[in-house]
PDB file of all heavy atoms in Angstrom:
ATOM      1  N   GLU A   1     -21.628 139.884-131.022  1.00  0.00           N
ATOM      2  CA  GLU A   1     -22.465 138.959-131.705  1.00  0.00           C
ATOM      3  C   GLU A   1     -23.202 138.033-130.714  1.00  0.00           C
ATOM      4  O   GLU A   1     -22.477 137.291-129.949  1.00  0.00           O
ATOM      5  CB  GLU A   1     -21.666 138.197-132.760  1.00  0.00           C
ATOM      6  CG  GLU A   1     -22.436 137.163-133.573  1.00  0.00           C
ATOM      7  CD  GLU A   1     -21.575 136.395-134.465  1.00  0.00           C
ATOM      8  OE1 GLU A   1     -20.473 136.787-134.743  1.00  0.00           O
ATOM      9  OE2 GLU A   1     -22.022 135.445-135.004  1.00  0.00           O
ATOM     10  N   SER A   2     -24.457 137.992-130.610  1.00  0.00           N
ATOM     11  CA  SER A   2     -25.247 137.235-129.690  1.00  0.00           C
ATOM     12  C   SER A   2     -24.815 137.521-128.266  1.00  0.00           C
ATOM     13  O   SER A   2     -24.392 136.636-127.488  1.00  0.00           O
ATOM     14  CB  SER A   2     -25.070 135.614-129.994  1.00  0.00           C
ATOM     15  OG  SER A   2     -25.470 135.393-131.221  1.00  0.00           O
ATOM     16  N   PRO A   3     -24.880 138.746-127.904  1.00  0.00           N
ATOM     17  CA  PRO A   3     -24.431 139.156-126.500  1.00  0.00           C
ATOM     18  C   PRO A   3     -25.434 139.014-125.398  1.00  0.00           C
ATOM     19  O   PRO A   3     -26.599 138.656-125.710  1.00  0.00           O
ATOM     20  CB  PRO A   3     -24.055 140.645-126.706  1.00  0.00           C
ATOM     21  CG  PRO A   3     -25.145 141.123-127.704  1.00  0.00           C
ATOM     22  CD  PRO A   3     -25.302 139.995-128.574  1.00  0.00           C
ATOM     23  N   TYR A   4     -24.993 139.396-124.184  1.00  0.00           N
ATOM     24  CA  TYR A   4     -25.840 139.271-122.978  1.00  0.00           C
ATOM     25  C   TYR A   4     -25.414 140.561-122.231  1.00  0.00           C
ATOM     26  O   TYR A   4     -24.424 141.129-122.486  1.00  0.00           O
ATOM     27  CB  TYR A   4     -25.600 138.051-122.173  1.00  0.00           C
ATOM     28  CG  TYR A   4     -24.083 137.775-121.933  1.00  0.00           C
ATOM     29  CD1 TYR A   4     -23.510 138.280-120.809  1.00  0.00           C
ATOM     30  CD2 TYR A   4     -23.233 137.064-122.939  1.00  0.00           C
ATOM     31  CE1 TYR A   4     -22.084 138.023-120.606  1.00  0.00           C
ATOM     32  CE2 TYR A   4     -21.937 136.922-122.642  1.00  0.00           C
ATOM     33  CZ  TYR A   4     -21.375 137.438-121.513  1.00  0.00           C
ATOM     34  OH  TYR A   4     -20.058 137.200-121.349  1.00  0.00           O
ATOM     35  N   THR A   5     -26.126 140.895-121.157  1.00  0.00           N
ATOM     36  CA  THR A   5     -25.937 141.947-120.339  1.00  0.00           C
ATOM     37  C   THR A   5     -24.765 141.660-119.397  1.00  0.00           C
ATOM     38  O   THR A   5     -23.876 142.458-119.244  1.00  0.00           O
ATOM     39  CB  THR A   5     -27.106 142.309-119.544  1.00  0.00           C
ATOM     40  OG1 THR A   5     -27.667 141.196-118.963  1.00  0.00           O
ATOM     41  CG2 THR A   5     -28.226 142.960-120.464  1.00  0.00           C
ATOM     42  N   ASN A   6     -24.913 140.626-118.706  1.00  0.00           N
ATOM     43  CA  ASN A   6     -23.872 140.181-117.712  1.00  0.00           C
ATOM     44  C   ASN A   6     -24.038 138.636-117.514  1.00  0.00           C
ATOM     45  O   ASN A   6     -25.033 138.115-117.831  1.00  0.00           O
ATOM     46  CB  ASN A   6     -23.936 140.910-116.379  1.00  0.00           C
ATOM     47  CG  ASN A   6     -25.294 140.826-115.724  1.00  0.00           C
ATOM     48  OD1 ASN A   6     -25.656 139.721-115.244  1.00  0.00           O
ATOM     49  ND2 ASN A   6     -26.110 141.878-115.637  1.00  0.00           N
ATOM     50  N   ILE A   7     -23.102 137.927-117.023  1.00  0.00           N
ATOM     51  CA  ILE A   7     -23.101 136.585-116.929  1.00  0.00           C
ATOM     52  C   ILE A   7     -24.303 136.058-115.997  1.00  0.00           C
ATOM     53  O   ILE A   7     -24.849 135.084-116.297  1.00  0.00           O
ATOM     54  CB  ILE A   7     -21.774 135.889-116.571  1.00  0.00           C
ATOM     55  CG1 ILE A   7     -21.641 134.519-117.024  1.00  0.00           C
ATOM     56  CG2 ILE A   7     -21.459 136.111-115.171  1.00  0.00           C
ATOM     57  CD1 ILE A   7     -21.531 134.352-118.483  1.00  0.00           C
ATOM     58  N   ARG A   8     -24.525 136.751-115.016  1.00  0.00           N
ATOM     59  CA  ARG A   8     -25.607 136.264-114.062  1.00  0.00           C
ATOM     60  C   ARG A   8     -26.914 136.341-114.828  1.00  0.00           C
ATOM     61  O   ARG A   8     -27.699 135.386-114.699  1.00  0.00           O
ATOM     62  CB  ARG A   8     -25.680 137.182-112.813  1.00  0.00           C
ATOM     63  CG  ARG A   8     -26.795 136.748-111.888  1.00  0.00           C
ATOM     64  CD  ARG A   8     -26.882 137.786-110.657  1.00  0.00           C
ATOM     65  NE  ARG A   8     -27.913 137.348-109.747  1.00  0.00           N
ATOM     66  CZ  ARG A   8     -27.782 136.569-108.713  1.00  0.00           C
ATOM     67  NH1 ARG A   8     -26.538 136.012-108.493  1.00  0.00           N
ATOM     68  NH2 ARG A   8     -28.752 136.268-107.935  1.00  0.00           N
ATOM     69  N   GLU A   9     -27.229 137.359-115.473  1.00  0.00           N
ATOM     70  CA  GLU A   9     -28.499 137.452-116.213  1.00  0.00           C
ATOM     71  C   GLU A   9     -28.541 136.438-117.389  1.00  0.00           C
ATOM     72  O   GLU A   9     -29.546 135.894-117.637  1.00  0.00           O
ATOM     73  CB  GLU A   9     -28.672 138.856-116.762  1.00  0.00           C
ATOM     74  CG  GLU A   9     -30.126 139.144-117.307  1.00  0.00           C
ATOM     75  CD  GLU A   9     -30.505 140.564-117.367  1.00  0.00           C
ATOM     76  OE1 GLU A   9     -29.624 141.507-117.341  1.00  0.00           O
ATOM     77  OE2 GLU A   9     -31.619 140.839-117.641  1.00  0.00           O
ATOM     78  N   ALA A  10     -27.437 136.241-118.000  1.00  0.00           N
ATOM     79  CA  ALA A  10     -27.314 135.272-119.064  1.00  0.00           C
ATOM     80  C   ALA A  10     -27.661 133.868-118.552  1.00  0.00           C
ATOM     81  O   ALA A  10     -28.441 133.123-119.084  1.00  0.00           O
ATOM     82  CB  ALA A  10     -25.989 135.250-119.734  1.00  0.00           C
ATOM     83  N   ALA A  11     -27.016 133.414-117.435  1.00  0.00           N
ATOM     84  CA  ALA A  11     -27.208 132.196-116.861  1.00  0.00           C
ATOM     85  C   ALA A  11     -28.761 132.018-116.405  1.00  0.00           C
ATOM     86  O   ALA A  11     -29.281 130.860-116.473  1.00  0.00           O
ATOM     87  CB  ALA A  11     -26.306 132.028-115.657  1.00  0.00           C
ATOM     88  N   ALA A  12     -29.303 133.132-115.981  1.00  0.00           N
ATOM     89  CA  ALA A  12     -30.706 133.084-115.542  1.00  0.00           C
ATOM     90  C   ALA A  12     -31.653 132.850-116.773  1.00  0.00           C
ATOM     91  O   ALA A  12     -32.816 132.470-116.531  1.00  0.00           O
ATOM     92  CB  ALA A  12     -31.061 134.289-114.769  1.00  0.00           C
ATOM     93  N   HIS A  13     -31.250 133.096-117.913  1.00  0.00           N
ATOM     94  CA  HIS A  13     -32.074 133.056-119.169  1.00  0.00           C
ATOM     95  C   HIS A  13     -31.727 131.946-120.189  1.00  0.00           C
ATOM     96  O   HIS A  13     -32.616 131.765-121.110  1.00  0.00           O
ATOM     97  CB  HIS A  13     -32.010 134.427-119.771  1.00  0.00           C
ATOM     98  CG  HIS A  13     -32.885 135.443-119.067  1.00  0.00           C
ATOM     99  ND1 HIS A  13     -32.309 136.279-118.136  1.00  0.00           N
ATOM    100  CD2 HIS A  13     -34.234 135.769-119.035  1.00  0.00           C
ATOM    101  CE1 HIS A  13     -33.187 137.041-117.541  1.00  0.00           C
ATOM    102  NE2 HIS A  13     -34.330 136.745-118.086  1.00  0.00           N
ATOM    103  N   ILE A  14     -30.608 131.309-120.026  1.00  0.00           N
ATOM    104  CA  ILE A  14     -30.287 130.293-121.031  1.00  0.00           C
ATOM    105  C   ILE A  14     -31.168 129.082-120.818  1.00  0.00           C
ATOM    106  O   ILE A  14     -31.602 128.683-119.748  1.00  0.00           O
ATOM    107  CB  ILE A  14     -28.878 129.873-120.922  1.00  0.00           C
ATOM    108  CG1 ILE A  14     -28.379 129.297-119.690  1.00  0.00           C
ATOM    109  CG2 ILE A  14     -27.891 131.008-121.432  1.00  0.00           C
ATOM    110  CD1 ILE A  14     -26.986 128.707-119.553  1.00  0.00           C
ATOM    111  N   PRO A  15     -31.594 128.528-121.951  1.00  0.00           N
ATOM    112  CA  PRO A  15     -32.618 127.432-121.802  1.00  0.00           C
ATOM    113  C   PRO A  15     -32.314 126.248-121.027  1.00  0.00           C
ATOM    114  O   PRO A  15     -33.069 125.522-120.334  1.00  0.00           O
ATOM    115  CB  PRO A  15     -32.781 126.963-123.281  1.00  0.00           C
ATOM    116  CG  PRO A  15     -32.307 128.161-124.119  1.00  0.00           C
ATOM    117  CD  PRO A  15     -31.294 128.856-123.280  1.00  0.00           C
ATOM    118  N   ILE A  16     -30.951 125.927-120.806  1.00  0.00           N
ATOM    119  CA  ILE A  16     -30.598 124.715-120.033  1.00  0.00           C
ATOM    120  C   ILE A  16     -30.937 124.947-118.526  1.00  0.00           C
ATOM    121  O   ILE A  16     -31.040 123.960-117.807  1.00  0.00           O
ATOM    122  CB  ILE A  16     -29.122 124.488-120.304  1.00  0.00           C
ATOM    123  CG1 ILE A  16     -28.765 123.024-119.739  1.00  0.00           C
ATOM    124  CG2 ILE A  16     -28.280 125.453-119.540  1.00  0.00           C
ATOM    125  CD1 ILE A  16     -27.434 122.486-120.122  1.00  0.00           C
ATOM    126  N   THR A  17     -31.046 126.135-118.203  1.00  0.00           N
ATOM    127  CA  THR A  17     -31.425 126.365-116.719  1.00  0.00           C
ATOM    128  C   THR A  17     -32.936 126.448-116.369  1.00  0.00           C
ATOM    129  O   THR A  17     -33.388 126.550-115.242  1.00  0.00           O
ATOM    130  CB  THR A  17     -30.827 127.709-116.149  1.00  0.00           C
ATOM    131  OG1 THR A  17     -31.407 128.841-116.909  1.00  0.00           O
ATOM    132  CG2 THR A  17     -29.287 127.687-116.279  1.00  0.00           C
ATOM    133  N   THR A  18     -33.782 126.339-117.496  1.00  0.00           N
ATOM    134  CA  THR A  18     -35.222 126.440-117.364  1.00  0.00           C
ATOM    135  C   THR A  18     -35.758 125.545-116.222  1.00  0.00           C
ATOM    136  O   THR A  18     -36.490 125.924-115.416  1.00  0.00           O
ATOM    137  CB  THR A  18     -35.907 126.148-118.672  1.00  0.00           C
ATOM    138  OG1 THR A  18     -35.397 127.119-119.693  1.00  0.00           O
ATOM    139  CG2 THR A  18     -37.414 126.303-118.549  1.00  0.00           C
ATOM    140  N   ILE A  19     -35.404 124.250-116.330  1.00  0.00           N
ATOM    141  CA  ILE A  19     -35.933 123.260-115.363  1.00  0.00           C
ATOM    142  C   ILE A  19     -35.465 123.631-113.972  1.00  0.00           C
ATOM    143  O   ILE A  19     -36.136 123.414-112.968  1.00  0.00           O
ATOM    144  CB  ILE A  19     -35.587 121.875-115.807  1.00  0.00           C
ATOM    145  CG1 ILE A  19     -36.356 120.858-114.912  1.00  0.00           C
ATOM    146  CG2 ILE A  19     -34.046 121.629-115.600  1.00  0.00           C
ATOM    147  CD1 ILE A  19     -36.393 119.444-115.505  1.00  0.00           C
ATOM    148  N   TYR A  20     -34.274 124.167-113.800  1.00  0.00           N
ATOM    149  CA  TYR A  20     -33.797 124.436-112.420  1.00  0.00           C
ATOM    150  C   TYR A  20     -34.250 125.694-111.796  1.00  0.00           C
ATOM    151  O   TYR A  20     -34.187 125.813-110.577  1.00  0.00           O
ATOM    152  CB  TYR A  20     -32.113 124.490-112.485  1.00  0.00           C
ATOM    153  CG  TYR A  20     -31.557 123.193-113.051  1.00  0.00           C
ATOM    154  CD1 TYR A  20     -31.058 123.238-114.371  1.00  0.00           C
ATOM    155  CD2 TYR A  20     -31.532 122.022-112.293  1.00  0.00           C
ATOM    156  CE1 TYR A  20     -30.541 122.035-114.807  1.00  0.00           C
ATOM    157  CE2 TYR A  20     -31.070 120.783-112.699  1.00  0.00           C
ATOM    158  CZ  TYR A  20     -30.515 120.900-114.091  1.00  0.00           C
ATOM    159  OH  TYR A  20     -29.990 119.725-114.576  1.00  0.00           O
ATOM    160  N   ARG A  21     -34.746 126.604-112.638  1.00  0.00           N
ATOM    161  CA  ARG A  21     -35.232 127.874-112.160  1.00  0.00           C
ATOM    162  C   ARG A  21     -36.416 127.714-111.178  1.00  0.00           C
ATOM    163  O   ARG A  21     -36.620 128.583-110.221  1.00  0.00           O
ATOM    164  CB  ARG A  21     -35.653 128.785-113.208  1.00  0.00           C
ATOM    165  CG  ARG A  21     -34.532 129.310-114.145  1.00  0.00           C
ATOM    166  CD  ARG A  21     -35.081 130.190-115.138  1.00  0.00           C
ATOM    167  NE  ARG A  21     -34.279 129.909-116.333  1.00  0.00           N
ATOM    168  CZ  ARG A  21     -34.663 130.178-117.598  1.00  0.00           C
ATOM    169  NH1 ARG A  21     -35.900 130.549-117.824  1.00  0.00           N
ATOM    170  NH2 ARG A  21     -33.866 129.923-118.547  1.00  0.00           N
ATOM    171  N   GLN A  22     -37.157 126.634-111.231  1.00  0.00           N
ATOM    172  CA  GLN A  22     -38.280 126.415-110.399  1.00  0.00           C
ATOM    173  C   GLN A  22     -37.860 125.915-109.045  1.00  0.00           C
ATOM    174  O   GLN A  22     -38.679 125.939-107.992  1.00  0.00           O
ATOM    175  CB  GLN A  22     -39.235 125.481-110.995  1.00  0.00           C
ATOM    176  CG  GLN A  22     -38.656 124.014-111.182  1.00  0.00           C
ATOM    177  CD  GLN A  22     -39.539 123.152-112.054  1.00  0.00           C
ATOM    178  OE1 GLN A  22     -40.766 123.295-111.923  1.00  0.00           O
ATOM    179  NE2 GLN A  22     -39.066 122.277-112.879  1.00  0.00           N
ATOM    180  N   PHE A  23     -36.721 125.424-108.771  1.00  0.00           N
ATOM    181  CA  PHE A  23     -36.211 124.890-107.533  1.00  0.00           C
ATOM    182  C   PHE A  23     -35.840 126.031-106.563  1.00  0.00           C
ATOM    183  O   PHE A  23     -35.064 126.919-106.999  1.00  0.00           O
ATOM    184  CB  PHE A  23     -35.253 123.835-107.700  1.00  0.00           C
ATOM    185  CG  PHE A  23     -35.671 122.574-108.388  1.00  0.00           C
ATOM    186  CD1 PHE A  23     -35.086 122.309-109.708  1.00  0.00           C
ATOM    187  CD2 PHE A  23     -36.633 121.729-107.875  1.00  0.00           C
ATOM    188  CE1 PHE A  23     -35.594 121.193-110.438  1.00  0.00           C
ATOM    189  CE2 PHE A  23     -37.002 120.682-108.520  1.00  0.00           C
ATOM    190  CZ  PHE A  23     -36.547 120.385-109.752  1.00  0.00           C
ATOM    191  N   PRO A  24     -36.099 125.875-105.218  1.00  0.00           N
ATOM    192  CA  PRO A  24     -35.521 126.847-104.367  1.00  0.00           C
ATOM    193  C   PRO A  24     -33.985 126.731-104.298  1.00  0.00           C
ATOM    194  O   PRO A  24     -33.409 125.651-104.578  1.00  0.00           O
ATOM    195  CB  PRO A  24     -36.005 126.313-103.026  1.00  0.00           C
ATOM    196  CG  PRO A  24     -37.087 125.317-103.225  1.00  0.00           C
ATOM    197  CD  PRO A  24     -36.825 124.871-104.670  1.00  0.00           C
ATOM    198  N   GLY A  25     -33.338 127.840-104.184  1.00  0.00           N
ATOM    199  CA  GLY A  25     -31.886 127.849-104.165  1.00  0.00           C
ATOM    200  C   GLY A  25     -31.222 128.035-105.473  1.00  0.00           C
ATOM    201  O   GLY A  25     -30.034 128.091-105.572  1.00  0.00           O
ATOM    202  N   PHE A  26     -32.055 128.106-106.648  1.00  0.00           N
ATOM    203  CA  PHE A  26     -31.520 128.268-107.964  1.00  0.00           C
ATOM    204  C   PHE A  26     -30.528 129.508-107.932  1.00  0.00           C
ATOM    205  O   PHE A  26     -29.384 129.467-108.359  1.00  0.00           O
ATOM    206  CB  PHE A  26     -32.577 128.466-109.026  1.00  0.00           C
ATOM    207  CG  PHE A  26     -31.998 128.864-110.355  1.00  0.00           C
ATOM    208  CD1 PHE A  26     -31.298 127.888-111.122  1.00  0.00           C
ATOM    209  CD2 PHE A  26     -32.186 130.069-110.827  1.00  0.00           C
ATOM    210  CE1 PHE A  26     -30.799 128.287-112.380  1.00  0.00           C
ATOM    211  CE2 PHE A  26     -31.631 130.520-112.126  1.00  0.00           C
ATOM    212  CZ  PHE A  26     -30.927 129.614-112.847  1.00  0.00           C
ATOM    213  N   GLY A  27     -31.082 130.665-107.417  1.00  0.00           N
ATOM    214  CA  GLY A  27     -30.249 131.871-107.448  1.00  0.00           C
ATOM    215  C   GLY A  27     -28.965 131.727-106.654  1.00  0.00           C
ATOM    216  O   GLY A  27     -27.905 132.021-107.067  1.00  0.00           O
ATOM    217  N   TYR A  28     -29.031 131.105-105.474  1.00  0.00           N
ATOM    218  CA  TYR A  28     -27.864 130.930-104.631  1.00  0.00           C
ATOM    219  C   TYR A  28     -26.860 129.894-105.270  1.00  0.00           C
ATOM    220  O   TYR A  28     -25.668 130.188-105.358  1.00  0.00           O
ATOM    221  CB  TYR A  28     -28.256 130.475-103.247  1.00  0.00           C
ATOM    222  CG  TYR A  28     -27.020 130.125-102.309  1.00  0.00           C
ATOM    223  CD1 TYR A  28     -26.289 131.180-101.872  1.00  0.00           C
ATOM    224  CD2 TYR A  28     -26.715 128.830-102.018  1.00  0.00           C
ATOM    225  CE1 TYR A  28     -25.241 130.829-101.073  1.00  0.00           C
ATOM    226  CE2 TYR A  28     -25.642 128.582-101.302  1.00  0.00           C
ATOM    227  CZ  TYR A  28     -24.812 129.548-100.807  1.00  0.00           C
ATOM    228  OH  TYR A  28     -23.711 129.229 -99.997  1.00  0.00           O
ATOM    229  N   PHE A  29     -27.346 128.675-105.583  1.00  0.00           N
ATOM    230  CA  PHE A  29     -26.381 127.639-106.084  1.00  0.00           C
ATOM    231  C   PHE A  29     -25.950 127.850-107.408  1.00  0.00           C
ATOM    232  O   PHE A  29     -24.756 127.506-107.689  1.00  0.00           O
ATOM    233  CB  PHE A  29     -27.111 126.279-105.934  1.00  0.00           C
ATOM    234  CG  PHE A  29     -27.274 125.793-104.502  1.00  0.00           C
ATOM    235  CD1 PHE A  29     -28.558 125.753-103.947  1.00  0.00           C
ATOM    236  CD2 PHE A  29     -26.303 125.488-103.772  1.00  0.00           C
ATOM    237  CE1 PHE A  29     -28.806 125.261-102.708  1.00  0.00           C
ATOM    238  CE2 PHE A  29     -26.413 125.045-102.411  1.00  0.00           C
ATOM    239  CZ  PHE A  29     -27.700 124.901-101.882  1.00  0.00           C
ATOM    240  N   ILE A  30     -26.642 128.377-108.279  1.00  0.00           N
ATOM    241  CA  ILE A  30     -26.266 128.593-109.707  1.00  0.00           C
ATOM    242  C   ILE A  30     -25.780 129.993-109.929  1.00  0.00           C
ATOM    243  O   ILE A  30     -24.591 130.182-110.288  1.00  0.00           O
ATOM    244  CB  ILE A  30     -27.357 128.238-110.677  1.00  0.00           C
ATOM    245  CG1 ILE A  30     -27.965 126.829-110.407  1.00  0.00           C
ATOM    246  CG2 ILE A  30     -26.838 128.459-112.139  1.00  0.00           C
ATOM    247  CD1 ILE A  30     -26.892 125.762-110.607  1.00  0.00           C
ATOM    248  N   LEU A  31     -26.601 130.980-109.744  1.00  0.00           N
ATOM    249  CA  LEU A  31     -26.247 132.338-110.071  1.00  0.00           C
ATOM    250  C   LEU A  31     -25.147 132.936-109.190  1.00  0.00           C
ATOM    251  O   LEU A  31     -24.237 133.566-109.592  1.00  0.00           O
ATOM    252  CB  LEU A  31     -27.419 133.194-110.202  1.00  0.00           C
ATOM    253  CG  LEU A  31     -28.577 132.742-111.014  1.00  0.00           C
ATOM    254  CD1 LEU A  31     -29.730 133.675-111.059  1.00  0.00           C
ATOM    255  CD2 LEU A  31     -28.069 132.562-112.512  1.00  0.00           C
ATOM    256  N   ASP A  32     -25.306 132.747-107.838  1.00  0.00           N
ATOM    257  CA  ASP A  32     -24.413 133.348-106.878  1.00  0.00           C
ATOM    258  C   ASP A  32     -23.002 132.643-106.965  1.00  0.00           C
ATOM    259  O   ASP A  32     -22.029 133.244-106.661  1.00  0.00           O
ATOM    260  CB  ASP A  32     -24.906 133.285-105.399  1.00  0.00           C
ATOM    261  CG  ASP A  32     -26.110 134.169-105.306  1.00  0.00           C
ATOM    262  OD1 ASP A  32     -26.327 135.012-106.138  1.00  0.00           O
ATOM    263  OD2 ASP A  32     -26.814 134.036-104.292  1.00  0.00           O
ATOM    264  N   SER A  33     -23.005 131.436-107.391  1.00  0.00           N
ATOM    265  CA  SER A  33     -21.720 130.612-107.543  1.00  0.00           C
ATOM    266  C   SER A  33     -20.854 131.302-108.639  1.00  0.00           C
ATOM    267  O   SER A  33     -19.649 131.211-108.486  1.00  0.00           O
ATOM    268  CB  SER A  33     -21.925 129.236-107.791  1.00  0.00           C
ATOM    269  OG  SER A  33     -22.534 128.975-109.088  1.00  0.00           O
ATOM    270  N   LEU A  34     -21.450 131.857-109.588  1.00  0.00           N
ATOM    271  CA  LEU A  34     -20.682 132.612-110.613  1.00  0.00           C
ATOM    272  C   LEU A  34     -19.993 133.748-109.942  1.00  0.00           C
ATOM    273  O   LEU A  34     -18.639 133.967-110.281  1.00  0.00           O
ATOM    274  CB  LEU A  34     -21.586 133.059-111.765  1.00  0.00           C
ATOM    275  CG  LEU A  34     -22.192 132.065-112.649  1.00  0.00           C
ATOM    276  CD1 LEU A  34     -23.267 132.552-113.482  1.00  0.00           C
ATOM    277  CD2 LEU A  34     -21.132 131.265-113.423  1.00  0.00           C
ATOM    278  N   ALA A  35     -20.527 134.481-109.155  1.00  0.00           N
ATOM    279  CA  ALA A  35     -19.950 135.634-108.555  1.00  0.00           C
ATOM    280  C   ALA A  35     -18.822 135.179-107.582  1.00  0.00           C
ATOM    281  O   ALA A  35     -17.747 135.782-107.402  1.00  0.00           O
ATOM    282  CB  ALA A  35     -20.948 136.446-107.716  1.00  0.00           C
ATOM    283  N   LEU A  36     -19.088 134.089-106.807  1.00  0.00           N
ATOM    284  CA  LEU A  36     -18.095 133.531-105.942  1.00  0.00           C
ATOM    285  C   LEU A  36     -16.831 133.105-106.651  1.00  0.00           C
ATOM    286  O   LEU A  36     -15.751 133.142-106.174  1.00  0.00           O
ATOM    287  CB  LEU A  36     -18.696 132.365-105.172  1.00  0.00           C
ATOM    288  CG  LEU A  36     -19.656 132.749-104.028  1.00  0.00           C
ATOM    289  CD1 LEU A  36     -20.404 131.420-103.573  1.00  0.00           C
ATOM    290  CD2 LEU A  36     -19.200 133.618-103.087  1.00  0.00           C
ATOM    291  N   GLY A  37     -16.950 132.805-107.994  1.00  0.00           N
ATOM    292  CA  GLY A  37     -15.903 132.375-108.820  1.00  0.00           C
ATOM    293  C   GLY A  37     -15.301 133.531-109.606  1.00  0.00           C
ATOM    294  O   GLY A  37     -14.572 133.348-110.539  1.00  0.00           O
ATOM    295  N   ASN A  38     -15.681 134.836-109.210  1.00  0.00           N
ATOM    296  CA  ASN A  38     -15.213 135.976-109.821  1.00  0.00           C
ATOM    297  C   ASN A  38     -15.597 136.004-111.364  1.00  0.00           C
ATOM    298  O   ASN A  38     -14.766 136.459-112.135  1.00  0.00           O
ATOM    299  CB  ASN A  38     -13.730 136.214-109.670  1.00  0.00           C
ATOM    300  CG  ASN A  38     -13.517 136.749-108.253  1.00  0.00           C
ATOM    301  OD1 ASN A  38     -14.197 137.442-107.645  1.00  0.00           O
ATOM    302  ND2 ASN A  38     -12.463 136.193-107.592  1.00  0.00           N
ATOM    303  N   MET A  39     -16.734 135.537-111.694  1.00  0.00           N
ATOM    304  CA  MET A  39     -17.227 135.447-112.972  1.00  0.00           C
ATOM    305  C   MET A  39     -18.405 136.441-113.070  1.00  0.00           C
ATOM    306  O   MET A  39     -19.501 136.194-112.637  1.00  0.00           O
ATOM    307  CB  MET A  39     -17.664 134.078-113.444  1.00  0.00           C
ATOM    308  CG  MET A  39     -16.558 133.031-113.431  1.00  0.00           C
ATOM    309  SD  MET A  39     -15.325 133.285-114.671  1.00  0.00           S
ATOM    310  CE  MET A  39     -16.046 132.444-115.981  1.00  0.00           C
ATOM    311  N   PHE A  40     -18.173 137.601-113.722  1.00  0.00           N
ATOM    312  CA  PHE A  40     -19.157 138.685-113.845  1.00  0.00           C
ATOM    313  C   PHE A  40     -19.464 139.052-115.275  1.00  0.00           C
ATOM    314  O   PHE A  40     -20.544 139.265-115.693  1.00  0.00           O
ATOM    315  CB  PHE A  40     -18.743 139.836-113.055  1.00  0.00           C
ATOM    316  CG  PHE A  40     -18.570 139.647-111.635  1.00  0.00           C
ATOM    317  CD1 PHE A  40     -17.296 139.464-111.056  1.00  0.00           C
ATOM    318  CD2 PHE A  40     -19.663 139.490-110.760  1.00  0.00           C
ATOM    319  CE1 PHE A  40     -17.132 139.215-109.795  1.00  0.00           C
ATOM    320  CE2 PHE A  40     -19.460 139.237-109.329  1.00  0.00           C
ATOM    321  CZ  PHE A  40     -18.135 139.063-108.987  1.00  0.00           C
ATOM    322  N   PHE A  41     -18.457 139.222-116.131  1.00  0.00           N
ATOM    323  CA  PHE A  41     -18.551 139.648-117.479  1.00  0.00           C
ATOM    324  C   PHE A  41     -19.620 140.723-117.607  1.00  0.00           C
ATOM    325  O   PHE A  41     -20.626 140.550-118.325  1.00  0.00           O
ATOM    326  CB  PHE A  41     -18.793 138.490-118.409  1.00  0.00           C
ATOM    327  CG  PHE A  41     -17.713 137.412-118.521  1.00  0.00           C
ATOM    328  CD1 PHE A  41     -17.678 136.211-117.803  1.00  0.00           C
ATOM    329  CD2 PHE A  41     -16.557 137.718-119.292  1.00  0.00           C
ATOM    330  CE1 PHE A  41     -16.710 135.344-117.920  1.00  0.00           C
ATOM    331  CE2 PHE A  41     -15.491 136.908-119.370  1.00  0.00           C
ATOM    332  CZ  PHE A  41     -15.565 135.651-118.616  1.00  0.00           C
ATOM    333  N   PRO A  42     -19.436 141.925-117.020  1.00  0.00           N
ATOM    334  CA  PRO A  42     -20.456 142.893-116.845  1.00  0.00           C
ATOM    335  C   PRO A  42     -20.434 143.789-118.130  1.00  0.00           C
ATOM    336  O   PRO A  42     -20.187 145.112-118.083  1.00  0.00           O
ATOM    337  CB  PRO A  42     -20.120 143.658-115.608  1.00  0.00           C
ATOM    338  CG  PRO A  42     -18.478 143.649-115.702  1.00  0.00           C
ATOM    339  CD  PRO A  42     -18.185 142.282-116.278  1.00  0.00           C
ATOM    340  N   SER A  43     -20.877 143.251-119.262  1.00  0.00           N
ATOM    341  CA  SER A  43     -20.961 144.103-120.476  1.00  0.00           C
ATOM    342  C   SER A  43     -21.889 145.287-120.201  1.00  0.00           C
ATOM    343  O   SER A  43     -21.629 146.354-120.869  1.00  0.00           O
ATOM    344  CB  SER A  43     -21.443 143.217-121.722  1.00  0.00           C
ATOM    345  OG  SER A  43     -20.521 142.321-122.024  1.00  0.00           O
TER     346      SER A  43
END
């Protein structure tokens, strides 16, 4: 119910990250930090 593909893609699309997506380093600081924390949820 209300799924996503994987946590990285979900984090890249949730509305709260909209403002941060425009800044350099968004992928590294936000999205890559999930992987560093062993958070993948690869549905």
